[in-house]
C-alpha cells in the first residue's frame, strides 16, 4: 500500500479508539440500548418495506444484478446480494418511514440509518451478535458526537446531516473487518469524501431522496471499509486539515458570525470501559412516524385530546409554539398542502390535522389518499406554527413546545411538553417497542416471524449475526 501520513489528525485518534474496543468494554446499559434500537430499527424496516421507494430500489437493484446470488440478506426478500447493496437497501427500509431513532443536538441525526452497514459485513464474515452490538455502539457514539459539535449545526446554513454520517459509517464498518487504525483512517477519508449532502433534501417539497441520503452514507461506509482493507487510501485530514470539514464549513457565516466546531468534543471522554457512559444510552426513539421536532407538539395535542372532549368542527385555531428551526422546517407554506408522504411527515399542519381528525397518527395517516384528503384542509389551515424565542435556550437539553387550541366559543385548552414519549427521560418500554413492531408487521410478516425476530434481538449477544438475518428471511404474508 502506498505510504501516506495519517498522524496528527483527529481521524487517527478516533480510529485508534475504535480499534482498541472490545465487547467487554461496553456498559450493560449500552448493550441493552443496542438491543432496543435493533428491535426498533427492524420494526421500522418491516414497515418501510411496504413503501413505494423501497419497492423501486429493490426492483432496480435486482434488475442490475439479475443472475448474481450474493452472500448478504435483503430484509423481507428471497434475494441475496453483495454487502454494499445489502447495506443500502436494508438501511433504506429502516429509514423509509421516518419512524426510526433520533438524536438532536446542534444537528439532528438518526444513527440507526447506518447500522445495517456493519450488519452486512457481520453477515458476510459470519461475525457474532456481540461484534454487531459493538459496531452499533461505535456508530451511535460517533454519529451523536458529530451532531453535537457544530457551532451552530450545519443544518443552520443549508447542509443535511448525512454530510456528517460519512465520518461514522466507514469507521464502524471498518471495525467489523478488523482494520488497523491506519486503515480505519483511510476508510473515514474515503467515505466522508463522498457524503456531502445539500439541505434541499429536507427543504420545501420533500421527495424520496429525503430517506435515501443517509442510507447512501451507510452504503459508502461499507464500500470504503472494503476498499481500505485492499489498500485504497483516503485523506487523513478530512476532518481537521486543509479543506476538510472544519476548514470548509469555517467559511460559512450564521447570524453574522463565522461557523465553528468544538473539535475537542469528538474525542473528549470517549468511553473505553464498561463503567463509562455511552451516547447510545442518550438517543431517542419515535412514537410517531414523523420528523423529530414534531413529537413534542404532537404529544401536547394528545394530552389535550385525552383531557378535553370537543369536536374537530369546533376548533377555531391551533397555535403551536416551537423553536425557530422547527417553525422553519415544519410550518413553511409547502407544509400546508402536502402531496407526498415525505412532505406530510415533515408537516406540522398536516400531522396535527390528521391526529385531531383520526385520533391516531400512524403509518395509515401517511397513505397518499389520506395525505391528499381535502377534508383535512380546514384543520390544516387552523394551525398556526410560530417560533417562541424563550424556547431557544432550553433546546436541545429539552424539546419544548406549547400548543393552545382555541374553540369557536372562545374557550382554550393548552399543554406544554418538554420530553416527548421516546426521549431517554421518557423512554419507550420493551412492551411499547414490541407493540410498535407488531403494528408495523401486520400484513407483512406472520406472528411466528415477529416472535422469532423479537427473540433473536433479545439474545443478540448469544447468537450469530446470520441467525438474526435469517429471522427476517421467512414468514412473508402471502398478500404482499
Protein backbone atom coordinates (compact mmCIF):
# COMPACT_ATOMS: atom_id res chain seq x y z
CA UNK A 1 0.00 0.00 0.00
CA UNK A 2 1.22 3.50 -0.76
CA UNK A 3 2.53 5.33 2.29
CA UNK A 4 0.53 8.36 3.41
CA UNK A 5 0.87 10.03 6.78
CA UNK A 6 -2.16 9.56 9.00
CA UNK A 7 -0.77 11.08 12.19
CA UNK A 8 -1.63 14.41 13.84
CA UNK A 9 -5.26 14.32 12.72
CA UNK A 10 -8.43 13.61 14.66
CA UNK A 11 -9.31 10.72 12.36
CA UNK A 12 -6.36 8.74 13.76
CA UNK A 13 -7.46 9.41 17.34
CA UNK A 14 -10.93 8.10 16.51
CA UNK A 15 -9.50 5.14 14.61
CA UNK A 16 -7.23 4.13 17.48
CA UNK A 17 -10.16 4.36 19.88
CA UNK A 18 -12.42 2.18 17.73
CA UNK A 19 -9.71 -0.39 17.01
CA UNK A 20 -8.98 -0.82 20.72
CA UNK A 21 -12.57 -1.55 21.78
CA UNK A 22 -13.91 -4.97 22.68
CA UNK A 23 -17.43 -6.11 23.51
CA UNK A 24 -16.42 -6.36 27.16
CA UNK A 25 -15.75 -2.61 27.18
CA UNK A 26 -19.44 -1.84 26.68
CA UNK A 27 -21.58 -0.94 29.66
CA UNK A 28 -24.61 -3.11 30.45
CA UNK A 29 -26.79 -0.11 29.61
CA UNK A 30 -25.09 0.30 26.21
CA UNK A 31 -25.64 -3.38 25.40
CA UNK A 32 -29.29 -3.15 26.43
CA UNK A 33 -29.71 0.03 24.40
CA UNK A 34 -28.19 -1.58 21.31
CA UNK A 35 -30.71 -4.41 21.52
CA UNK A 36 -33.58 -1.97 21.99
CA UNK A 37 -32.52 0.08 18.98
CA UNK A 38 -32.11 -3.03 16.86
CA UNK A 39 -35.64 -4.15 17.67
CA UNK A 40 -36.98 -0.66 16.96
CA UNK A 41 -34.96 -0.45 13.72
CA UNK A 42 -36.15 -3.84 12.47
CA UNK A 43 -39.73 -2.81 13.25
CA UNK A 44 -39.19 0.31 11.14
CA UNK A 45 -37.61 -1.76 8.35
CA UNK A 46 -40.61 -4.11 8.26
CA UNK A 47 -42.94 -1.16 7.87
CA UNK A 48 -40.56 0.58 5.48
CA UNK A 49 -40.50 -2.46 3.20
CA UNK A 50 -44.02 -1.56 2.09
CA UNK A 51 -43.18 1.92 0.81
CA UNK A 52 -43.07 2.76 -2.86
CA UNK A 53 -39.47 3.93 -2.73
CA UNK A 54 -38.34 0.66 -1.11
CA UNK A 55 -40.08 -1.28 -3.91
CA UNK A 56 -38.42 0.87 -6.57
CA UNK A 57 -34.96 0.42 -5.08
CA UNK A 58 -35.30 -3.34 -4.68
CA UNK A 59 -36.62 -3.72 -8.25
CA UNK A 60 -33.78 -1.55 -9.57
CA UNK A 61 -31.05 -3.50 -7.79
CA UNK A 62 -32.47 -6.87 -8.78
CA UNK A 63 -32.55 -5.77 -12.40
CA UNK A 64 -28.96 -4.57 -12.17
CA UNK A 65 -27.78 -7.97 -10.88
CA UNK A 66 -30.32 -10.48 -12.22
CA UNK A 67 -28.17 -13.60 -12.07
CA UNK A 68 -25.95 -12.90 -9.08
CA UNK A 69 -26.56 -14.71 -5.79
CA UNK A 70 -24.74 -12.70 -3.15
CA UNK A 71 -23.67 -13.51 0.40
CA UNK A 72 -25.85 -10.94 2.20
CA UNK A 73 -29.54 -10.81 3.04
CA UNK A 74 -32.02 -8.18 1.94
CA UNK A 75 -34.74 -7.82 4.57
CA UNK A 76 -38.08 -9.48 3.76
CA UNK A 77 -36.82 -10.76 0.44
CA UNK A 78 -35.67 -14.05 -1.02
CA UNK A 79 -32.93 -12.15 -2.84
CA UNK A 80 -29.32 -12.01 -1.66
CA UNK A 81 -26.72 -9.57 -2.90
CA UNK A 82 -23.31 -8.07 -2.16
CA UNK A 83 -22.70 -6.33 1.19
CA UNK A 84 -22.63 -2.83 -0.31
CA UNK A 85 -26.09 -3.13 -1.89
CA UNK A 86 -27.49 -5.04 1.11
CA UNK A 87 -26.32 -2.28 3.46
CA UNK A 88 -28.05 0.33 1.31
CA UNK A 89 -31.34 -1.48 0.77
CA UNK A 90 -31.71 -2.54 4.40
CA UNK A 91 -30.71 0.91 5.68
CA UNK A 92 -33.29 2.48 3.42
CA UNK A 93 -36.03 0.25 4.80
CA UNK A 94 -35.10 1.31 8.33
CA UNK A 95 -35.27 4.95 7.28
CA UNK A 96 -38.16 4.89 4.79
CA UNK A 97 -40.98 5.82 7.17
CA UNK A 98 -39.03 8.38 9.22
CA UNK A 99 -40.04 6.31 12.24
CA UNK A 100 -36.59 5.31 13.50
CA UNK A 101 -34.42 6.86 16.20
CA UNK A 102 -33.43 10.49 16.65
CA UNK A 103 -30.64 12.37 18.40
CA UNK A 104 -30.82 16.14 18.07
CA UNK A 105 -28.20 18.47 19.45
CA UNK A 106 -26.56 21.12 17.26
CA UNK A 107 -27.57 18.89 14.33
CA UNK A 108 -30.06 16.03 14.11
CA UNK A 109 -29.01 12.50 13.31
CA UNK A 110 -30.50 9.03 13.07
CA UNK A 111 -27.70 6.61 13.98
CA UNK A 112 -29.81 3.58 13.08
CA UNK A 113 -29.65 4.76 9.46
CA UNK A 114 -26.08 3.41 9.48
CA UNK A 115 -26.20 0.17 11.48
CA UNK A 116 -27.15 -2.05 8.54
CA UNK A 117 -23.68 -1.40 7.13
CA UNK A 118 -21.96 -3.29 9.96
CA UNK A 119 -24.78 -5.85 9.79
CA UNK A 120 -23.96 -6.68 6.14
CA UNK A 121 -20.26 -7.12 6.91
CA UNK A 122 -21.02 -9.17 10.02
CA UNK A 123 -23.18 -11.47 7.92
CA UNK A 124 -20.55 -11.62 5.18
CA UNK A 125 -17.87 -12.79 7.62
CA UNK A 126 -20.15 -14.73 9.99
CA UNK A 127 -19.43 -12.45 12.92
CA UNK A 128 -21.18 -12.85 16.25
CA UNK A 129 -24.03 -10.78 17.58
CA UNK A 130 -21.53 -9.33 20.04
CA UNK A 131 -19.50 -7.97 17.13
CA UNK A 132 -22.65 -6.33 15.77
CA UNK A 133 -23.52 -4.82 19.14
CA UNK A 134 -20.03 -3.33 19.44
CA UNK A 135 -20.16 -1.85 15.94
CA UNK A 136 -23.62 -0.47 16.73
CA UNK A 137 -22.32 1.28 19.84
CA UNK A 138 -19.45 2.76 17.80
CA UNK A 139 -21.88 4.10 15.17
CA UNK A 140 -24.02 5.76 17.84
CA UNK A 141 -21.05 7.22 19.71
CA UNK A 142 -19.52 8.90 16.67
CA UNK A 143 -22.72 9.88 14.89
CA UNK A 144 -24.03 11.55 18.03
CA UNK A 145 -20.74 13.33 18.72
CA UNK A 146 -20.64 14.77 15.21
CA UNK A 147 -24.21 16.00 15.79
CA UNK A 148 -23.06 17.83 18.92
CA UNK A 149 -20.01 19.78 17.79
CA UNK A 150 -21.35 22.35 15.31
CA UNK A 151 -21.45 25.98 16.44
CA UNK A 152 -24.14 26.19 15.08
CA UNK A 153 -25.09 22.90 13.44
CA UNK A 154 -24.56 22.62 9.70
CA UNK A 155 -28.36 22.41 9.23
CA UNK A 156 -28.49 26.08 10.14
CA UNK A 157 -26.69 27.07 6.95
CA UNK A 158 -28.18 24.67 4.48
CA UNK A 159 -26.43 21.31 4.78
CA UNK A 160 -28.02 17.97 5.60
CA UNK A 161 -26.80 15.82 8.50
CA UNK A 162 -25.96 12.95 6.10
CA UNK A 163 -22.85 15.06 5.46
CA UNK A 164 -21.72 14.10 8.95
CA UNK A 165 -22.80 10.46 8.69
CA UNK A 166 -19.89 9.67 6.40
CA UNK A 167 -17.44 10.21 9.24
CA UNK A 168 -19.04 7.48 11.36
CA UNK A 169 -20.15 4.99 8.69
CA UNK A 170 -16.71 4.00 7.38
CA UNK A 171 -15.17 3.67 10.82
CA UNK A 172 -17.86 1.35 12.20
CA UNK A 173 -17.80 -0.80 9.06
CA UNK A 174 -14.02 -0.98 9.17
CA UNK A 175 -14.10 -2.06 12.81
CA UNK A 176 -16.15 -5.12 11.82
CA UNK A 177 -13.44 -6.00 9.30
CA UNK A 178 -10.75 -5.67 11.96
CA UNK A 179 -8.87 -2.93 10.08
CA UNK A 180 -5.77 -1.40 11.61
CA UNK A 181 -6.00 2.18 12.89
CA UNK A 182 -4.23 3.41 9.74
CA UNK A 183 -6.67 1.53 7.50
CA UNK A 184 -9.59 2.91 9.53
CA UNK A 185 -8.30 6.43 8.89
CA UNK A 186 -8.45 5.72 5.16
CA UNK A 187 -11.96 4.28 5.50
CA UNK A 188 -13.08 7.52 7.15
CA UNK A 189 -11.39 9.61 4.47
CA UNK A 190 -12.81 7.60 1.55
CA UNK A 191 -16.33 7.64 2.93
CA UNK A 192 -16.54 11.27 4.06
CA UNK A 193 -15.10 12.43 0.73
CA UNK A 194 -18.39 11.46 -0.95
CA UNK A 195 -21.16 12.13 1.59
CA UNK A 196 -21.57 15.91 1.49
CA UNK A 197 -25.34 16.47 1.19
CA UNK A 198 -27.27 19.66 0.47
CA UNK A 199 -30.11 20.58 2.79
CA UNK A 200 -32.51 20.76 -0.15
CA UNK A 201 -33.48 17.15 0.51
CA UNK A 202 -35.41 18.25 3.61
CA UNK A 203 -36.49 21.72 2.48
CA UNK A 204 -39.75 22.70 0.82
CA UNK A 205 -41.46 19.85 -1.03
CA UNK A 206 -39.79 16.62 0.02
CA UNK A 207 -39.03 13.70 -2.28
CA UNK A 208 -37.84 10.12 -1.92
CA UNK A 209 -34.29 11.42 -1.53
CA UNK A 210 -35.12 12.59 1.99
CA UNK A 211 -34.97 8.99 3.18
CA UNK A 212 -32.16 7.95 0.83
CA UNK A 213 -29.17 10.17 1.58
CA UNK A 214 -28.28 8.66 4.95
CA UNK A 215 -28.65 5.06 3.72
CA UNK A 216 -26.28 6.06 0.93
CA UNK A 217 -23.80 7.05 3.62
CA UNK A 218 -24.21 3.56 5.11
CA UNK A 219 -23.56 2.09 1.68
CA UNK A 220 -20.48 4.26 1.24
CA UNK A 221 -19.24 3.21 4.67
CA UNK A 222 -19.23 -0.46 3.70
CA UNK A 223 -17.56 0.16 0.35
CA UNK A 224 -15.00 2.46 1.94
CA UNK A 225 -14.04 -0.12 4.55
CA UNK A 226 -13.72 -2.84 1.92
CA UNK A 227 -11.54 -0.58 -0.22
CA UNK A 228 -9.39 0.45 2.73
CA UNK A 229 -8.84 -3.24 3.51
CA UNK A 230 -7.39 -3.61 -0.01
CA UNK A 231 -5.03 -0.68 0.43
CA UNK A 232 -7.12 2.14 -1.05
CA UNK A 233 -6.32 5.48 0.54
CA UNK A 234 -8.36 8.46 1.62
CA UNK A 235 -7.47 11.84 3.16
CA UNK A 236 -6.49 11.58 6.81
CA UNK A 237 -7.11 15.33 7.12
CA UNK A 238 -10.78 15.03 6.08
CA UNK A 239 -11.96 16.37 9.46
CA UNK A 240 -9.44 18.92 10.70
CA UNK A 241 -6.96 19.51 7.90
CA UNK A 242 -6.73 21.59 4.76
CA UNK A 243 -10.13 21.79 3.04
CA UNK A 244 -11.54 19.24 5.49
CA UNK A 245 -14.81 19.55 7.42
CA UNK A 246 -13.70 22.27 9.82
CA UNK A 247 -11.87 24.31 7.18
CA UNK A 248 -14.62 24.26 4.55
CA UNK A 249 -17.52 24.97 6.88
CA UNK A 250 -15.45 27.58 8.69
CA UNK A 251 -16.05 29.82 5.68
CA UNK A 252 -19.78 29.84 6.43
CA UNK A 253 -21.48 32.56 8.45
CA UNK A 254 -24.59 32.14 10.59
CA UNK A 255 -26.34 35.16 12.12
CA UNK A 256 -23.33 37.31 11.36
CA UNK A 257 -20.71 35.07 12.97
CA UNK A 258 -18.31 32.52 11.47
CA UNK A 259 -19.32 28.89 11.91
CA UNK A 260 -17.03 26.78 14.08
CA UNK A 261 -16.77 23.30 15.57
CA UNK A 262 -15.92 22.02 19.03
CA UNK A 263 -13.09 19.83 17.78
CA UNK A 264 -12.24 18.51 21.23
CA UNK A 265 -15.84 17.34 21.58
CA UNK A 266 -15.14 14.50 19.18
CA UNK A 267 -12.61 12.85 21.47
CA UNK A 268 -13.36 14.29 24.91
CA UNK A 269 -14.11 11.46 27.37
CA UNK A 270 -14.58 8.80 24.70
CA UNK A 271 -15.93 5.71 26.51
CA UNK A 272 -13.35 3.00 26.93
CA UNK A 273 -14.79 0.69 29.57
CA UNK A 274 -17.95 -0.83 30.97
CA UNK A 275 -18.26 1.83 33.67
CA UNK A 276 -18.29 4.69 31.13
CA UNK A 277 -21.39 6.35 29.69
CA UNK A 278 -22.11 5.75 26.00
CA UNK A 279 -24.03 8.05 23.66
CA UNK A 280 -26.31 5.19 22.63
CA UNK A 281 -27.86 5.42 26.09
CA UNK A 282 -28.94 9.03 25.37
CA UNK A 283 -30.62 8.53 22.00
CA UNK A 284 -34.39 8.76 21.50
CA UNK A 285 -36.96 6.62 19.75
CA UNK A 286 -40.05 7.82 17.92
CA UNK A 287 -43.63 7.18 18.92
CA UNK A 288 -44.93 8.86 15.75
CA UNK A 289 -43.67 8.24 12.17
CA UNK A 290 -42.72 11.89 11.65
CA UNK A 291 -39.83 14.34 11.84
CA UNK A 292 -38.30 14.54 15.31
CA UNK A 293 -39.18 18.13 16.25
CA UNK A 294 -42.86 17.34 15.74
CA UNK A 295 -43.04 14.88 18.62
CA UNK A 296 -43.37 17.41 21.43
CA UNK A 297 -46.28 19.37 19.90
CA UNK A 298 -47.98 16.12 18.84
CA UNK A 299 -47.58 14.79 22.38
CA UNK A 300 -49.17 18.01 23.61
CA UNK A 301 -52.09 17.53 21.19
CA UNK A 302 -52.57 14.01 22.51
CA UNK A 303 -52.60 15.31 26.10
CA UNK A 304 -55.21 17.93 25.27
CA UNK A 305 -57.44 15.42 23.48
CA UNK A 306 -57.20 13.00 26.42
CA UNK A 307 -58.27 15.71 28.88
CA UNK A 308 -60.99 17.51 26.91
CA UNK A 309 -63.93 16.43 24.81
CA UNK A 310 -64.61 18.62 21.78
CA UNK A 311 -65.40 18.09 18.11
CA UNK A 312 -62.86 18.98 15.44
CA UNK A 313 -65.57 21.14 13.83
CA UNK A 314 -65.48 23.32 16.95
CA UNK A 315 -61.79 24.21 16.54
CA UNK A 316 -61.05 27.81 15.55
CA UNK A 317 -57.27 27.82 15.89
CA UNK A 318 -54.40 25.54 16.91
CA UNK A 319 -51.47 27.68 17.94
CA UNK A 320 -48.17 25.78 18.05
CA UNK A 321 -45.15 27.41 19.70
CA UNK A 322 -41.81 25.76 18.94
CA UNK A 323 -38.17 26.67 18.45
CA UNK A 324 -37.39 28.75 15.37
CA UNK A 325 -35.83 25.95 13.32
CA UNK A 326 -38.89 23.75 13.90
CA UNK A 327 -41.18 26.53 12.67
CA UNK A 328 -38.97 26.98 9.61
CA UNK A 329 -38.77 23.27 8.74
CA UNK A 330 -42.26 22.13 9.71
CA UNK A 331 -44.53 25.11 9.13
CA UNK A 332 -43.37 26.66 5.84
CA UNK A 333 -46.04 27.20 3.11
CA UNK A 334 -45.31 23.91 1.35
CA UNK A 335 -46.25 22.03 4.52
CA UNK A 336 -49.85 23.33 4.40
CA UNK A 337 -50.63 21.45 1.20
CA UNK A 338 -48.54 18.26 1.24
CA UNK A 339 -48.95 15.94 -1.72
CA UNK A 340 -46.45 13.23 -0.74
CA UNK A 341 -45.75 11.12 2.34
CA UNK A 342 -42.27 12.65 2.56
CA UNK A 343 -43.69 16.18 2.85
CA UNK A 344 -46.57 15.13 5.10
CA UNK A 345 -44.31 13.55 7.71
CA UNK A 346 -42.43 16.86 7.91
CA UNK A 347 -45.63 18.93 8.12
CA UNK A 348 -46.97 20.06 11.49
CA UNK A 349 -50.23 21.35 9.96
CA UNK A 350 -50.94 18.02 8.29
CA UNK A 351 -49.85 15.80 11.19
CA UNK A 352 -51.84 17.80 13.73
CA UNK A 353 -54.90 17.78 11.48
CA UNK A 354 -54.65 14.01 10.95
CA UNK A 355 -54.13 13.33 14.66
CA UNK A 356 -57.09 15.51 15.64
CA UNK A 357 -59.36 14.02 12.97
CA UNK A 358 -58.39 10.36 13.32
CA UNK A 359 -57.38 10.15 16.96
CA UNK A 360 -54.16 8.38 15.99
CA UNK A 361 -51.10 9.17 13.91
CA UNK A 362 -49.56 6.07 12.41
CA UNK A 363 -48.49 4.76 9.01
CA UNK A 364 -52.06 4.75 7.68
CA UNK A 365 -52.27 8.53 8.10
CA UNK A 366 -49.45 8.90 5.56
CA UNK A 367 -51.03 6.91 2.77
CA UNK A 368 -51.32 9.07 -0.33
CA UNK A 369 -55.13 9.12 -0.29
CA UNK A 370 -55.21 10.42 3.29
CA UNK A 371 -52.45 12.96 2.67
CA UNK A 372 -54.45 14.40 -0.25
CA UNK A 373 -57.82 14.24 1.55
CA UNK A 374 -59.46 17.67 1.12
CA UNK A 375 -61.45 17.20 4.31
CA UNK A 376 -58.26 17.87 6.29
CA UNK A 377 -57.65 21.27 4.66
CA UNK A 378 -59.77 23.34 7.10
CA UNK A 379 -58.00 21.75 10.06
CA UNK A 380 -54.59 22.33 8.46
CA UNK A 381 -55.45 25.98 7.88
CA UNK A 382 -56.39 26.39 11.55
CA UNK A 383 -52.83 25.50 12.58
CA UNK A 384 -50.50 28.44 13.24
CA UNK A 385 -46.87 27.50 13.76
CA UNK A 386 -44.87 30.25 15.47
CA UNK A 387 -41.34 30.45 16.92
CA UNK A 388 -41.01 31.03 20.65
CA UNK A 389 -37.76 32.82 21.43
CA UNK A 390 -37.86 31.71 25.08
CA UNK A 391 -37.69 28.07 23.99
CA UNK A 392 -34.34 28.51 22.24
CA UNK A 393 -32.27 28.47 25.41
CA UNK A 394 -33.95 25.25 26.57
CA UNK A 395 -33.16 23.34 23.36
CA UNK A 396 -31.57 20.81 22.87
CA UNK A 397 -31.43 19.90 26.58
CA UNK A 398 -35.19 19.61 26.25
CA UNK A 399 -37.61 19.83 23.33
CA UNK A 400 -40.12 22.43 24.49
CA UNK A 401 -43.37 23.16 22.72
CA UNK A 402 -46.69 24.66 23.70
CA UNK A 403 -49.99 24.01 21.97
CA UNK A 404 -53.09 26.14 22.56
CA UNK A 405 -56.36 25.07 20.96
CA UNK A 406 -58.97 27.82 20.75
CA UNK A 407 -62.54 26.72 20.13
CA UNK A 408 -65.19 28.70 18.30
CA UNK A 409 -66.87 29.61 21.59
CA UNK A 410 -63.65 31.30 22.74
CA UNK A 411 -62.59 28.67 25.26
CA UNK A 412 -58.97 27.48 25.21
CA UNK A 413 -57.13 24.29 26.09
CA UNK A 414 -53.32 24.25 26.34
CA UNK A 415 -50.48 21.87 27.09
CA UNK A 416 -46.70 22.22 27.20
CA UNK A 417 -44.32 19.32 26.66
CA UNK A 418 -40.58 19.14 27.40
CA UNK A 419 -39.79 15.46 26.75
CA UNK A 420 -41.90 13.58 24.20
CA UNK A 421 -42.53 9.87 24.56
CA UNK A 422 -39.42 8.04 23.36
CA UNK A 423 -36.97 10.53 24.85
CA UNK A 424 -34.48 8.71 27.14
CA UNK A 425 -36.08 10.62 30.03
CA UNK A 426 -39.49 9.30 28.93
CA UNK A 427 -38.47 6.12 27.12
CA UNK A 428 -40.44 3.56 25.19
CA UNK A 429 -40.60 0.37 27.22
CA UNK A 430 -39.78 -3.04 25.76
CA UNK A 431 -43.52 -3.72 25.62
CA UNK A 432 -44.13 -0.47 23.75
CA UNK A 433 -41.38 -1.30 21.24
CA UNK A 434 -42.97 -4.72 20.84
CA UNK A 435 -46.33 -3.06 20.17
CA UNK A 436 -44.68 -0.85 17.55
CA UNK A 437 -43.11 -3.93 15.95
CA UNK A 438 -46.39 -5.83 15.81
CA UNK A 439 -48.31 -2.89 14.39
CA UNK A 440 -45.77 -2.40 11.60
CA UNK A 441 -45.56 -6.15 10.92
CA UNK A 442 -49.32 -6.51 10.41
CA UNK A 443 -49.88 -7.74 6.87
CA UNK A 444 -46.15 -8.04 6.19
CA UNK A 445 -44.87 -11.00 8.21
CA UNK A 446 -46.68 -13.63 10.24
CA UNK A 447 -46.84 -13.78 14.03
CA UNK A 448 -44.28 -16.59 14.28
CA UNK A 449 -41.73 -14.47 12.40
CA UNK A 450 -42.44 -11.49 14.66
CA UNK A 451 -41.80 -13.68 17.69
CA UNK A 452 -38.60 -15.02 16.11
CA UNK A 453 -37.26 -11.53 15.38
CA UNK A 454 -38.05 -10.34 18.87
CA UNK A 455 -36.44 -13.39 20.49
CA UNK A 456 -33.24 -13.14 18.47
CA UNK A 457 -32.81 -9.45 19.18
CA UNK A 458 -33.19 -10.12 22.92
CA UNK A 459 -30.49 -12.83 22.63
CA UNK A 460 -28.27 -10.93 20.20
CA UNK A 461 -25.22 -11.20 22.42
CA UNK A 462 -25.58 -15.00 22.43
CA UNK A 463 -26.22 -15.74 18.73
CA UNK A 464 -24.56 -15.17 15.37
CA UNK A 465 -25.43 -12.26 13.13
CA UNK A 466 -26.56 -14.70 10.46
CA UNK A 467 -29.20 -16.03 12.83
CA UNK A 468 -30.57 -12.50 13.17
CA UNK A 469 -30.66 -12.04 9.39
CA UNK A 470 -32.34 -15.43 8.91
CA UNK A 471 -35.18 -14.34 11.18
CA UNK A 472 -36.35 -11.84 8.56
CA UNK A 473 -35.90 -14.13 5.56
CA UNK A 474 -39.04 -16.21 6.12
CA UNK A 475 -42.68 -15.82 7.09
CA UNK A 476 -43.80 -13.29 4.48
CA UNK A 477 -47.56 -12.84 4.40
CA UNK A 478 -48.86 -14.02 1.04
CA UNK A 479 -50.91 -10.86 0.48
CA UNK A 480 -47.71 -8.86 -0.02
